[in-house]
Amino acid sequence: MRAELPVGAFIAAGLVLVPLPWHWRARNVAMLSTIVWLFVANIIYAIDAIIWAGNVEDSVPVWCDITTKLQIGTNMALPACCLCICIHLERIASVRQVSTSHSDKMRRMIFDAMICWMIPIVYMALHYVVQGHRFDIVEDFGCRPTVYVSIPAIFLIWVPPITAALATFGFAAVAVRHFFRRRLMFAKHLQNSNSGLTTSRYFRLMSMAVVQMFWSLLITSFNMWFSCQNGLRPWISWDNVHMGFSQIAYFPTVFIPSSTLTWTYILWWALPASAVVFFAFFSFGHDAMNEYRECFSWVRRTIFSRISGGQSGGSKDLSLARYGVVSSLILLLT
């Protein structure tokens, strides 16, 4: 059993929830969607690592059917969310959006929701085209989605997230160009746009999206190389690809080559690492520090004050009890 796998995934799932309050108040759909996708995916990883620790039994097949699709969706959802963030930042930095009205915010929220959720759902549906069988079960790692490695798989599974990552870099580059063109008045421009962003928040969002996309591009490219290193399989027909679709492949670690197992281990940790990167960008800034201070103040007002109040009340009751005992003794003596 690899005890570090569920522990690491649970910690990563908890870390992405830390910046949730201020993104919820800002109604930032792309950031909230990133949090949800990272949280769900890490929880799935943690549960899988617990259920299949040291075994490859097909104990919960329906769980695997659902979670393997969500794992596929996460591969597209994270690049889509970062693309939405950079599109929004580029629009704010340009002169096309002088100010943001309520209707503009609503349209942006609907657009972000479509990109962050509808595209991954379509991507999950298209995965069925190159899904040779139900799923794989790898000892210690749990359920893994399957891909019939072929030319259609390259265009349906790996090209879309890579394209989203490259588009994110493009919008980020244009946004940076807008900044340098009006860098002397950029803070004033952000304030006039009514976007709720300061210069530090703006560049924190930009840096997070670019770093996440660089990381996603690296992992997706490596995953494609890892999957295709034994060559592409011929696409003969739909029936040929989906023959025996109900089958489940089992992979005990004793039968997995050590090099393959090492790369599987590295690729598994890519998702918790993405959660840690997200946490690092938004949990040590000025907004996060203010949130921590407010939380500490609330705990001090509501919890510590009650404890101290209860202790003072208890001391008062004890003093009264002692006074009553002393008075009774005096009456007995007299």
C-alpha atoms as a PDB file:
ATOM      1  CA  MET A   1       0.000   0.000   0.000  1.00  0.00           C
ATOM      2  CA  ARG A   2       1.192   3.495  -0.879  1.00  0.00           C
ATOM      3  CA  ALA A   3      -0.107   5.483   2.080  1.00  0.00           C
ATOM      4  CA  GLU A   4       1.230   8.753   0.674  1.00  0.00           C
ATOM      5  CA  LEU A   5      -1.227   8.648  -2.231  1.00  0.00           C
ATOM      6  CA  PRO A   6      -4.543   9.117  -0.358  1.00  0.00           C
ATOM      7  CA  VAL A   7      -2.918  11.442   2.179  1.00  0.00           C
ATOM      8  CA  GLY A   8      -1.461  13.659  -0.543  1.00  0.00           C
ATOM      9  CA  ALA A   9      -4.711  13.731  -2.529  1.00  0.00           C
ATOM     10  CA  PHE A  10      -6.828  14.600   0.531  1.00  0.00           C
ATOM     11  CA  ILE A  11      -4.423  17.390   1.499  1.00  0.00           C
ATOM     12  CA  ALA A  12      -4.506  18.757  -2.045  1.00  0.00           C
ATOM     13  CA  ALA A  13      -8.327  18.653  -2.045  1.00  0.00           C
ATOM     14  CA  GLY A  14      -8.391  20.591   1.215  1.00  0.00           C
ATOM     15  CA  LEU A  15      -5.888  23.199   0.028  1.00  0.00           C
ATOM     16  CA  VAL A  16      -7.927  24.229  -3.015  1.00  0.00           C
ATOM     17  CA  LEU A  17     -10.864  25.102  -0.731  1.00  0.00           C
ATOM     18  CA  VAL A  18      -8.860  27.728   1.175  1.00  0.00           C
ATOM     19  CA  PRO A  19      -9.342  30.551  -1.403  1.00  0.00           C
ATOM     20  CA  LEU A  20     -12.984  29.580  -2.020  1.00  0.00           C
ATOM     21  CA  PRO A  21     -14.635  32.364   0.093  1.00  0.00           C
ATOM     22  CA  TRP A  22     -13.183  35.381  -1.719  1.00  0.00           C
ATOM     23  CA  HIS A  23     -13.680  33.852  -5.176  1.00  0.00           C
ATOM     24  CA  TRP A  24     -17.291  33.109  -4.216  1.00  0.00           C
ATOM     25  CA  ARG A  25     -17.831  36.705  -3.162  1.00  0.00           C
ATOM     26  CA  ALA A  26     -16.285  37.904  -6.447  1.00  0.00           C
ATOM     27  CA  ARG A  27     -18.603  35.542  -8.392  1.00  0.00           C
ATOM     28  CA  ASN A  28     -15.623  34.446 -10.461  1.00  0.00           C
ATOM     29  CA  VAL A  29     -17.090  31.456 -12.294  1.00  0.00           C
ATOM     30  CA  ALA A  30     -13.796  30.368 -13.895  1.00  0.00           C
ATOM     31  CA  MET A  31     -11.967  30.321 -10.555  1.00  0.00           C
ATOM     32  CA  LEU A  32     -14.855  28.588  -8.772  1.00  0.00           C
ATOM     33  CA  SER A  33     -14.991  25.990 -11.543  1.00  0.00           C
ATOM     34  CA  THR A  34     -11.242  25.406 -11.197  1.00  0.00           C
ATOM     35  CA  ILE A  35     -11.709  24.819  -7.464  1.00  0.00           C
ATOM     36  CA  VAL A  36     -14.572  22.367  -8.030  1.00  0.00           C
ATOM     37  CA  TRP A  37     -12.750  20.369 -10.699  1.00  0.00           C
ATOM     38  CA  LEU A  38      -9.526  20.157  -8.673  1.00  0.00           C
ATOM     39  CA  PHE A  39     -11.383  19.263  -5.484  1.00  0.00           C
ATOM     40  CA  VAL A  40     -13.497  16.512  -7.085  1.00  0.00           C
ATOM     41  CA  ALA A  41     -10.565  15.035  -9.009  1.00  0.00           C
ATOM     42  CA  ASN A  42      -8.331  14.870  -5.933  1.00  0.00           C
ATOM     43  CA  ILE A  43     -11.101  13.333  -3.842  1.00  0.00           C
ATOM     44  CA  ILE A  44     -11.523  10.675  -6.533  1.00  0.00           C
ATOM     45  CA  TYR A  45      -7.785   9.998  -6.503  1.00  0.00           C
ATOM     46  CA  ALA A  46      -7.764   9.680  -2.712  1.00  0.00           C
ATOM     47  CA  ILE A  47     -10.745   7.313  -2.562  1.00  0.00           C
ATOM     48  CA  ASP A  48      -9.358   5.176  -5.372  1.00  0.00           C
ATOM     49  CA  ALA A  49      -6.009   4.896  -3.603  1.00  0.00           C
ATOM     50  CA  ILE A  50      -7.803   3.671  -0.472  1.00  0.00           C
ATOM     51  CA  ILE A  51     -10.151   1.186  -2.168  1.00  0.00           C
ATOM     52  CA  TRP A  52      -7.508  -0.386  -4.403  1.00  0.00           C
ATOM     53  CA  ALA A  53      -4.594  -0.339  -1.982  1.00  0.00           C
ATOM     54  CA  GLY A  54      -2.839  -3.641  -2.592  1.00  0.00           C
ATOM     55  CA  ASN A  55      -5.592  -5.168  -4.776  1.00  0.00           C
ATOM     56  CA  VAL A  56      -7.209  -5.019  -8.228  1.00  0.00           C
ATOM     57  CA  GLU A  57     -10.662  -6.333  -7.335  1.00  0.00           C
ATOM     58  CA  ASP A  58     -13.614  -5.034  -9.318  1.00  0.00           C
ATOM     59  CA  SER A  59     -15.477  -4.033  -6.160  1.00  0.00           C
ATOM     60  CA  VAL A  60     -17.316  -0.890  -7.293  1.00  0.00           C
ATOM     61  CA  PRO A  61     -17.624  -0.929 -11.111  1.00  0.00           C
ATOM     62  CA  VAL A  62     -20.270   1.827 -11.288  1.00  0.00           C
ATOM     63  CA  TRP A  63     -17.965   4.135  -9.310  1.00  0.00           C
ATOM     64  CA  CYS A  64     -15.231   3.489 -11.876  1.00  0.00           C
ATOM     65  CA  ASP A  65     -17.570   4.174 -14.804  1.00  0.00           C
ATOM     66  CA  ILE A  66     -18.401   7.594 -13.353  1.00  0.00           C
ATOM     67  CA  THR A  67     -15.021   8.639 -12.008  1.00  0.00           C
ATOM     68  CA  THR A  68     -13.014   7.684 -15.089  1.00  0.00           C
ATOM     69  CA  LYS A  69     -15.214  10.005 -17.143  1.00  0.00           C
ATOM     70  CA  LEU A  70     -14.675  12.779 -14.600  1.00  0.00           C
ATOM     71  CA  GLN A  71     -10.929  12.196 -14.808  1.00  0.00           C
ATOM     72  CA  ILE A  72     -11.143  12.629 -18.576  1.00  0.00           C
ATOM     73  CA  GLY A  73     -13.214  15.783 -18.093  1.00  0.00           C
ATOM     74  CA  THR A  74     -10.664  17.259 -15.715  1.00  0.00           C
ATOM     75  CA  ASN A  75      -7.986  17.023 -18.411  1.00  0.00           C
ATOM     76  CA  MET A  76     -10.019  19.476 -20.497  1.00  0.00           C
ATOM     77  CA  ALA A  77     -11.708  21.469 -17.719  1.00  0.00           C
ATOM     78  CA  LEU A  78      -8.548  22.949 -16.196  1.00  0.00           C
ATOM     79  CA  PRO A  79      -7.211  24.356 -19.512  1.00  0.00           C
ATOM     80  CA  ALA A  80     -10.718  25.651 -20.308  1.00  0.00           C
ATOM     81  CA  CYS A  81     -10.954  27.454 -16.956  1.00  0.00           C
ATOM     82  CA  CYS A  82      -7.544  29.079 -17.413  1.00  0.00           C
ATOM     83  CA  LEU A  83      -8.531  30.110 -20.936  1.00  0.00           C
ATOM     84  CA  CYS A  84     -11.624  31.865 -19.538  1.00  0.00           C
ATOM     85  CA  ILE A  85      -9.475  33.692 -16.994  1.00  0.00           C
ATOM     86  CA  CYS A  86      -7.052  35.000 -19.634  1.00  0.00           C
ATOM     87  CA  ILE A  87      -9.875  35.982 -22.013  1.00  0.00           C
ATOM     88  CA  HIS A  88     -11.401  38.030 -19.196  1.00  0.00           C
ATOM     89  CA  LEU A  89      -8.070  39.609 -18.238  1.00  0.00           C
ATOM     90  CA  GLU A  90      -7.296  40.498 -21.848  1.00  0.00           C
ATOM     91  CA  ARG A  91     -10.730  42.108 -22.248  1.00  0.00           C
ATOM     92  CA  ILE A  92     -10.232  44.188 -19.095  1.00  0.00           C
ATOM     93  CA  ALA A  93      -6.724  45.308 -20.110  1.00  0.00           C
ATOM     94  CA  SER A  94      -7.866  46.384 -23.564  1.00  0.00           C
ATOM     95  CA  VAL A  95      -9.769  49.557 -24.337  1.00  0.00           C
ATOM     96  CA  ARG A  96     -12.714  47.551 -25.643  1.00  0.00           C
ATOM     97  CA  GLN A  97     -14.208  47.350 -22.124  1.00  0.00           C
ATOM     98  CA  VAL A  98     -14.220  50.769 -20.526  1.00  0.00           C
ATOM     99  CA  SER A  99     -16.445  49.711 -17.612  1.00  0.00           C
ATOM    100  CA  THR A 100     -18.266  46.589 -16.454  1.00  0.00           C
ATOM    101  CA  SER A 101     -22.028  46.775 -15.954  1.00  0.00           C
ATOM    102  CA  HIS A 102     -24.254  44.239 -14.227  1.00  0.00           C
ATOM    103  CA  SER A 103     -25.420  42.839 -17.564  1.00  0.00           C
ATOM    104  CA  ASP A 104     -21.788  42.500 -18.680  1.00  0.00           C
ATOM    105  CA  LYS A 105     -21.012  40.501 -15.548  1.00  0.00           C
ATOM    106  CA  MET A 106     -24.008  38.222 -16.131  1.00  0.00           C
ATOM    107  CA  ARG A 107     -22.989  37.593 -19.747  1.00  0.00           C
ATOM    108  CA  ARG A 108     -19.461  36.862 -18.644  1.00  0.00           C
ATOM    109  CA  MET A 109     -20.682  34.403 -15.976  1.00  0.00           C
ATOM    110  CA  ILE A 110     -22.821  32.569 -18.549  1.00  0.00           C
ATOM    111  CA  PHE A 111     -19.927  32.481 -21.043  1.00  0.00           C
ATOM    112  CA  ASP A 112     -17.512  31.174 -18.406  1.00  0.00           C
ATOM    113  CA  ALA A 113     -19.987  28.514 -17.266  1.00  0.00           C
ATOM    114  CA  MET A 114     -20.402  27.287 -20.852  1.00  0.00           C
ATOM    115  CA  ILE A 115     -16.645  27.091 -21.415  1.00  0.00           C
ATOM    116  CA  CYS A 116     -15.788  25.589 -18.010  1.00  0.00           C
ATOM    117  CA  TRP A 117     -18.559  22.983 -17.994  1.00  0.00           C
ATOM    118  CA  MET A 118     -20.107  22.386 -21.405  1.00  0.00           C
ATOM    119  CA  ILE A 119     -16.797  21.896 -23.216  1.00  0.00           C
ATOM    120  CA  PRO A 120     -15.565  19.275 -20.681  1.00  0.00           C
ATOM    121  CA  ILE A 121     -18.950  17.498 -20.918  1.00  0.00           C
ATOM    122  CA  VAL A 122     -18.682  17.339 -24.732  1.00  0.00           C
ATOM    123  CA  TYR A 123     -15.055  16.231 -24.327  1.00  0.00           C
ATOM    124  CA  MET A 124     -16.145  13.417 -21.994  1.00  0.00           C
ATOM    125  CA  ALA A 125     -18.774  12.306 -24.510  1.00  0.00           C
ATOM    126  CA  LEU A 126     -16.237  12.286 -27.364  1.00  0.00           C
ATOM    127  CA  HIS A 127     -13.940  10.100 -25.269  1.00  0.00           C
ATOM    128  CA  TYR A 128     -16.328   7.224 -25.958  1.00  0.00           C
ATOM    129  CA  VAL A 129     -15.213   7.290 -29.611  1.00  0.00           C
ATOM    130  CA  VAL A 130     -11.726   6.108 -28.623  1.00  0.00           C
ATOM    131  CA  GLN A 131     -12.652   4.179 -25.462  1.00  0.00           C
ATOM    132  CA  GLY A 132     -11.684   0.593 -26.260  1.00  0.00           C
ATOM    133  CA  HIS A 133     -13.150  -0.934 -23.087  1.00  0.00           C
ATOM    134  CA  ARG A 134     -14.783   0.192 -19.845  1.00  0.00           C
ATOM    135  CA  PHE A 135     -11.743   1.043 -17.722  1.00  0.00           C
ATOM    136  CA  ASP A 136      -8.508  -0.214 -16.212  1.00  0.00           C
ATOM    137  CA  ILE A 137      -7.828  -0.986 -12.560  1.00  0.00           C
ATOM    138  CA  VAL A 138      -4.236  -0.404 -11.494  1.00  0.00           C
ATOM    139  CA  GLU A 139      -3.180  -1.693  -8.091  1.00  0.00           C
ATOM    140  CA  ASP A 140      -2.671   1.129  -5.544  1.00  0.00           C
ATOM    141  CA  PHE A 141      -3.925   3.742  -8.022  1.00  0.00           C
ATOM    142  CA  GLY A 142      -7.471   2.585  -8.727  1.00  0.00           C
ATOM    143  CA  CYS A 143      -9.646   3.171 -11.778  1.00  0.00           C
ATOM    144  CA  ARG A 144      -8.014   4.678 -14.842  1.00  0.00           C
ATOM    145  CA  PRO A 145      -9.695   5.730 -18.099  1.00  0.00           C
ATOM    146  CA  THR A 146      -8.755   3.854 -21.237  1.00  0.00           C
ATOM    147  CA  VAL A 147      -7.860   5.223 -24.659  1.00  0.00           C
ATOM    148  CA  TYR A 148      -7.550   3.302 -27.903  1.00  0.00           C
ATOM    149  CA  VAL A 149      -4.236   4.853 -28.914  1.00  0.00           C
ATOM    150  CA  SER A 150      -4.701   5.856 -32.527  1.00  0.00           C
ATOM    151  CA  ILE A 151      -4.765   8.910 -34.795  1.00  0.00           C
ATOM    152  CA  PRO A 152      -8.377   9.761 -33.815  1.00  0.00           C
ATOM    153  CA  ALA A 153      -7.342   9.567 -30.156  1.00  0.00           C
ATOM    154  CA  ILE A 154      -4.615  12.153 -30.730  1.00  0.00           C
ATOM    155  CA  PHE A 155      -7.111  14.644 -32.162  1.00  0.00           C
ATOM    156  CA  LEU A 156      -9.928  13.891 -29.688  1.00  0.00           C
ATOM    157  CA  ILE A 157      -8.015  13.412 -26.419  1.00  0.00           C
ATOM    158  CA  TRP A 158      -4.711  15.272 -26.560  1.00  0.00           C
ATOM    159  CA  VAL A 159      -5.066  18.032 -29.151  1.00  0.00           C
ATOM    160  CA  PRO A 160      -8.014  19.889 -27.451  1.00  0.00           C
ATOM    161  CA  PRO A 161      -6.260  20.551 -24.103  1.00  0.00           C
ATOM    162  CA  ILE A 162      -3.036  21.469 -25.886  1.00  0.00           C
ATOM    163  CA  THR A 163      -4.974  23.876 -28.114  1.00  0.00           C
ATOM    164  CA  ALA A 164      -6.656  25.448 -25.073  1.00  0.00           C
ATOM    165  CA  ALA A 165      -3.263  25.848 -23.403  1.00  0.00           C
ATOM    166  CA  LEU A 166      -1.762  27.543 -26.457  1.00  0.00           C
ATOM    167  CA  ALA A 167      -4.797  29.833 -26.737  1.00  0.00           C
ATOM    168  CA  THR A 168      -4.358  30.750 -23.074  1.00  0.00           C
ATOM    169  CA  PHE A 169      -0.746  31.735 -23.730  1.00  0.00           C
ATOM    170  CA  GLY A 170      -1.924  33.830 -26.654  1.00  0.00           C
ATOM    171  CA  PHE A 171      -4.502  35.790 -24.643  1.00  0.00           C
ATOM    172  CA  ALA A 172      -1.985  36.199 -21.816  1.00  0.00           C
ATOM    173  CA  ALA A 173       0.590  37.630 -24.226  1.00  0.00           C
ATOM    174  CA  VAL A 174      -1.950  40.119 -25.632  1.00  0.00           C
ATOM    175  CA  ALA A 175      -2.966  41.135 -22.100  1.00  0.00           C
ATOM    176  CA  VAL A 176       0.669  41.761 -21.166  1.00  0.00           C
ATOM    177  CA  ARG A 177       1.078  43.848 -24.309  1.00  0.00           C
ATOM    178  CA  HIS A 178      -1.925  45.952 -23.253  1.00  0.00           C
ATOM    179  CA  PHE A 179      -0.281  46.436 -19.870  1.00  0.00           C
ATOM    180  CA  PHE A 180       2.995  47.719 -21.310  1.00  0.00           C
ATOM    181  CA  ARG A 181       1.139  50.063 -23.651  1.00  0.00           C
ATOM    182  CA  ARG A 182      -0.661  51.772 -20.747  1.00  0.00           C
ATOM    183  CA  ARG A 183       1.415  50.692 -17.749  1.00  0.00           C
ATOM    184  CA  LEU A 184       1.533  54.204 -16.261  1.00  0.00           C
ATOM    185  CA  MET A 185      -2.260  54.372 -15.992  1.00  0.00           C
ATOM    186  CA  PHE A 186      -3.002  50.651 -15.658  1.00  0.00           C
ATOM    187  CA  ALA A 187      -4.151  50.801 -12.015  1.00  0.00           C
ATOM    188  CA  LYS A 188      -6.487  53.685 -12.851  1.00  0.00           C
ATOM    189  CA  HIS A 189      -7.794  51.778 -15.848  1.00  0.00           C
ATOM    190  CA  LEU A 190      -8.589  48.729 -13.675  1.00  0.00           C
ATOM    191  CA  GLN A 191     -10.391  50.948 -11.194  1.00  0.00           C
ATOM    192  CA  ASN A 192     -12.465  52.623 -13.917  1.00  0.00           C
ATOM    193  CA  SER A 193     -13.372  49.266 -15.467  1.00  0.00           C
ATOM    194  CA  ASN A 194     -15.339  48.350 -12.309  1.00  0.00           C
ATOM    195  CA  SER A 195     -13.886  44.839 -12.486  1.00  0.00           C
ATOM    196  CA  GLY A 196     -13.018  44.589  -8.803  1.00  0.00           C
ATOM    197  CA  LEU A 197      -9.385  43.889  -9.679  1.00  0.00           C
ATOM    198  CA  THR A 198      -6.288  45.617  -8.433  1.00  0.00           C
ATOM    199  CA  THR A 199      -2.952  45.412 -10.227  1.00  0.00           C
ATOM    200  CA  SER A 200      -1.707  42.736  -7.820  1.00  0.00           C
ATOM    201  CA  ARG A 201      -4.871  40.644  -8.206  1.00  0.00           C
ATOM    202  CA  TYR A 202      -4.710  41.030 -11.960  1.00  0.00           C
ATOM    203  CA  PHE A 203      -1.170  39.734 -12.237  1.00  0.00           C
ATOM    204  CA  ARG A 204      -1.795  37.004  -9.666  1.00  0.00           C
ATOM    205  CA  LEU A 205      -4.630  35.670 -11.826  1.00  0.00           C
ATOM    206  CA  MET A 206      -2.508  36.014 -14.940  1.00  0.00           C
ATOM    207  CA  SER A 207       0.493  34.267 -13.387  1.00  0.00           C
ATOM    208  CA  MET A 208      -1.631  31.420 -12.055  1.00  0.00           C
ATOM    209  CA  ALA A 209      -3.274  30.821 -15.434  1.00  0.00           C
ATOM    210  CA  VAL A 210       0.050  30.882 -17.302  1.00  0.00           C
ATOM    211  CA  VAL A 211       1.818  28.605 -14.807  1.00  0.00           C
ATOM    212  CA  GLN A 212      -1.096  26.170 -14.760  1.00  0.00           C
ATOM    213  CA  MET A 213      -1.165  26.126 -18.552  1.00  0.00           C
ATOM    214  CA  PHE A 214       2.576  25.548 -18.789  1.00  0.00           C
ATOM    215  CA  TRP A 215       2.188  22.691 -16.312  1.00  0.00           C
ATOM    216  CA  SER A 216      -0.866  21.325 -18.162  1.00  0.00           C
ATOM    217  CA  LEU A 217       0.878  21.550 -21.516  1.00  0.00           C
ATOM    218  CA  LEU A 218       3.897  19.715 -20.134  1.00  0.00           C
ATOM    219  CA  ILE A 219       1.834  16.937 -18.526  1.00  0.00           C
ATOM    220  CA  THR A 220      -0.498  16.510 -21.509  1.00  0.00           C
ATOM    221  CA  SER A 221       2.414  16.322 -23.938  1.00  0.00           C
ATOM    222  CA  PHE A 222       4.229  13.852 -21.728  1.00  0.00           C
ATOM    223  CA  ASN A 223       1.058  11.783 -21.284  1.00  0.00           C
ATOM    224  CA  MET A 224       0.611  11.636 -25.060  1.00  0.00           C
ATOM    225  CA  TRP A 225       4.229  10.538 -25.501  1.00  0.00           C
ATOM    226  CA  PHE A 226       3.876   7.958 -22.719  1.00  0.00           C
ATOM    227  CA  SER A 227       0.697   6.523 -24.262  1.00  0.00           C
ATOM    228  CA  CYS A 228       2.053   6.474 -27.828  1.00  0.00           C
ATOM    229  CA  GLN A 229       5.563   5.202 -27.127  1.00  0.00           C
ATOM    230  CA  ASN A 230       4.621   1.700 -28.287  1.00  0.00           C
ATOM    231  CA  GLY A 231       3.162   3.006 -31.529  1.00  0.00           C
ATOM    232  CA  LEU A 232      -0.312   3.843 -32.800  1.00  0.00           C
ATOM    233  CA  ARG A 233      -2.944   1.176 -33.272  1.00  0.00           C
ATOM    234  CA  PRO A 234      -4.831   1.021 -36.582  1.00  0.00           C
ATOM    235  CA  TRP A 235      -8.355   2.412 -36.682  1.00  0.00           C
ATOM    236  CA  ILE A 236     -10.147  -0.287 -38.666  1.00  0.00           C
ATOM    237  CA  SER A 237     -13.759   0.382 -37.777  1.00  0.00           C
ATOM    238  CA  TRP A 238     -16.029   1.449 -34.940  1.00  0.00           C
ATOM    239  CA  ASP A 239     -16.999  -2.164 -34.239  1.00  0.00           C
ATOM    240  CA  ASN A 240     -13.380  -3.252 -34.146  1.00  0.00           C
ATOM    241  CA  VAL A 241     -12.390  -0.530 -31.646  1.00  0.00           C
ATOM    242  CA  HIS A 242     -15.355  -1.232 -29.349  1.00  0.00           C
ATOM    243  CA  MET A 243     -15.249  -5.011 -29.566  1.00  0.00           C
ATOM    244  CA  GLY A 244     -15.477  -6.437 -26.058  1.00  0.00           C
ATOM    245  CA  PHE A 245     -16.261  -3.007 -24.658  1.00  0.00           C
ATOM    246  CA  SER A 246     -17.545  -4.413 -21.332  1.00  0.00           C
ATOM    247  CA  GLN A 247     -14.134  -5.853 -20.484  1.00  0.00           C
ATOM    248  CA  ILE A 248     -12.084  -4.497 -17.573  1.00  0.00           C
ATOM    249  CA  ALA A 249      -8.296  -4.678 -17.595  1.00  0.00           C
ATOM    250  CA  TYR A 250      -6.463  -5.417 -14.323  1.00  0.00           C
ATOM    251  CA  PHE A 251      -2.876  -4.406 -13.637  1.00  0.00           C
ATOM    252  CA  PRO A 252      -1.243  -5.742 -10.435  1.00  0.00           C
ATOM    253  CA  THR A 253       1.952  -3.845  -9.721  1.00  0.00           C
ATOM    254  CA  VAL A 254       4.025  -7.049  -9.752  1.00  0.00           C
ATOM    255  CA  PHE A 255       3.336  -7.382 -13.488  1.00  0.00           C
ATOM    256  CA  ILE A 256       3.975  -3.724 -14.355  1.00  0.00           C
ATOM    257  CA  PRO A 257       7.541  -2.891 -15.494  1.00  0.00           C
ATOM    258  CA  SER A 258       9.350  -0.704 -13.001  1.00  0.00           C
ATOM    259  CA  SER A 259       9.865   2.122 -15.516  1.00  0.00           C
ATOM    260  CA  THR A 260       6.163   2.161 -16.429  1.00  0.00           C
ATOM    261  CA  LEU A 261       5.201   2.111 -12.762  1.00  0.00           C
ATOM    262  CA  THR A 262       7.526   5.041 -12.071  1.00  0.00           C
ATOM    263  CA  TRP A 263       6.011   7.146 -14.849  1.00  0.00           C
ATOM    264  CA  THR A 264       2.502   6.212 -13.700  1.00  0.00           C
ATOM    265  CA  TYR A 265       3.431   7.408 -10.221  1.00  0.00           C
ATOM    266  CA  ILE A 266       4.776  10.704 -11.590  1.00  0.00           C
ATOM    267  CA  LEU A 267       1.702  11.324 -13.755  1.00  0.00           C
ATOM    268  CA  TRP A 268      -0.581  10.546 -10.809  1.00  0.00           C
ATOM    269  CA  TRP A 269       1.056  13.273  -8.709  1.00  0.00           C
ATOM    270  CA  ALA A 270       0.556  15.865 -11.460  1.00  0.00           C
ATOM    271  CA  LEU A 271      -3.023  16.527 -10.318  1.00  0.00           C
ATOM    272  CA  PRO A 272      -2.250  17.091  -6.607  1.00  0.00           C
ATOM    273  CA  ALA A 273       0.655  19.278  -7.732  1.00  0.00           C
ATOM    274  CA  SER A 274      -1.784  21.411  -9.751  1.00  0.00           C
ATOM    275  CA  ALA A 275      -3.885  21.894  -6.613  1.00  0.00           C
ATOM    276  CA  VAL A 276      -0.816  22.951  -4.617  1.00  0.00           C
ATOM    277  CA  VAL A 277       0.148  25.467  -7.320  1.00  0.00           C
ATOM    278  CA  PHE A 278      -3.369  26.912  -7.240  1.00  0.00           C
ATOM    279  CA  PHE A 279      -3.239  27.163  -3.448  1.00  0.00           C
ATOM    280  CA  ALA A 280       0.177  28.848  -3.502  1.00  0.00           C
ATOM    281  CA  PHE A 281      -0.985  31.641  -5.799  1.00  0.00           C
ATOM    282  CA  PHE A 282      -4.072  32.610  -3.815  1.00  0.00           C
ATOM    283  CA  SER A 283      -3.354  31.757  -0.187  1.00  0.00           C
ATOM    284  CA  PHE A 284      -0.469  34.118   0.641  1.00  0.00           C
ATOM    285  CA  GLY A 285      -1.552  37.374  -0.983  1.00  0.00           C
ATOM    286  CA  HIS A 286      -2.932  40.516   0.622  1.00  0.00           C
ATOM    287  CA  ASP A 287      -6.544  39.353   0.228  1.00  0.00           C
ATOM    288  CA  ALA A 288      -5.756  36.006   1.830  1.00  0.00           C
ATOM    289  CA  MET A 289      -4.038  37.658   4.785  1.00  0.00           C
ATOM    290  CA  ASN A 290      -7.085  39.876   5.363  1.00  0.00           C
ATOM    291  CA  GLU A 291      -9.315  36.812   5.196  1.00  0.00           C
ATOM    292  CA  TYR A 292      -7.175  34.984   7.731  1.00  0.00           C
ATOM    293  CA  ARG A 293      -7.268  37.979  10.088  1.00  0.00           C
ATOM    294  CA  GLU A 294     -11.050  38.228   9.817  1.00  0.00           C
ATOM    295  CA  CYS A 295     -11.387  34.511  10.470  1.00  0.00           C
ATOM    296  CA  PHE A 296      -9.120  34.726  13.501  1.00  0.00           C
ATOM    297  CA  SER A 297     -11.045  37.729  14.803  1.00  0.00           C
ATOM    298  CA  TRP A 298     -14.325  35.840  14.434  1.00  0.00           C
ATOM    299  CA  VAL A 299     -12.928  32.833  16.308  1.00  0.00           C
ATOM    300  CA  ARG A 300     -11.614  35.106  19.047  1.00  0.00           C
ATOM    301  CA  ARG A 301     -14.952  36.945  19.390  1.00  0.00           C
ATOM    302  CA  THR A 302     -17.274  33.957  19.232  1.00  0.00           C
ATOM    303  CA  ILE A 303     -15.309  31.091  20.761  1.00  0.00           C
ATOM    304  CA  PHE A 304     -12.632  32.512  23.027  1.00  0.00           C
ATOM    305  CA  SER A 305     -15.007  35.103  24.494  1.00  0.00           C
ATOM    306  CA  ARG A 306     -17.508  32.386  25.393  1.00  0.00           C
ATOM    307  CA  ILE A 307     -14.802  30.299  26.988  1.00  0.00           C
ATOM    308  CA  SER A 308     -13.500  33.227  29.005  1.00  0.00           C
ATOM    309  CA  GLY A 309     -17.054  34.238  29.880  1.00  0.00           C
ATOM    310  CA  GLY A 310     -17.818  30.740  31.061  1.00  0.00           C
ATOM    311  CA  GLN A 311     -14.663  30.659  33.160  1.00  0.00           C
ATOM    312  CA  SER A 312     -15.465  34.029  34.785  1.00  0.00           C
ATOM    313  CA  GLY A 313     -19.006  32.908  35.454  1.00  0.00           C
ATOM    314  CA  GLY A 314     -17.732  29.713  37.000  1.00  0.00           C
ATOM    315  CA  SER A 315     -15.306  31.657  39.201  1.00  0.00           C
ATOM    316  CA  LYS A 316     -18.142  33.912  40.358  1.00  0.00           C
ATOM    317  CA  ASP A 317     -20.334  30.932  41.233  1.00  0.00           C
ATOM    318  CA  LEU A 318     -17.428  29.329  43.108  1.00  0.00           C
ATOM    319  CA  SER A 319     -16.864  32.535  45.113  1.00  0.00           C
ATOM    320  CA  LEU A 320     -20.538  32.683  46.041  1.00  0.00           C
ATOM    321  CA  ALA A 321     -20.453  29.053  47.106  1.00  0.00           C
ATOM    322  CA  ARG A 322     -17.427  29.684  49.273  1.00  0.00           C
ATOM    323  CA  TYR A 323     -19.145  32.723  50.834  1.00  0.00           C
ATOM    324  CA  GLY A 324     -22.192  30.575  51.629  1.00  0.00           C
ATOM    325  CA  VAL A 325     -20.078  27.915  53.320  1.00  0.00           C
ATOM    326  CA  VAL A 326     -18.233  30.475  55.433  1.00  0.00           C
ATOM    327  CA  SER A 327     -21.500  32.140  56.480  1.00  0.00           C
ATOM    328  CA  SER A 328     -22.937  28.793  57.543  1.00  0.00           C
ATOM    329  CA  LEU A 329     -19.890  28.043  59.708  1.00  0.00           C
ATOM    330  CA  ILE A 330     -20.146  31.418  61.402  1.00  0.00           C
ATOM    331  CA  LEU A 331     -23.812  30.806  62.215  1.00  0.00           C
ATOM    332  CA  LEU A 332     -22.999  27.358  63.660  1.00  0.00           C
ATOM    333  CA  LEU A 333     -20.223  28.746  65.852  1.00  0.00           C
ATOM    334  CA  THR A 334     -22.487  31.490  67.234  1.00  0.00           C
END
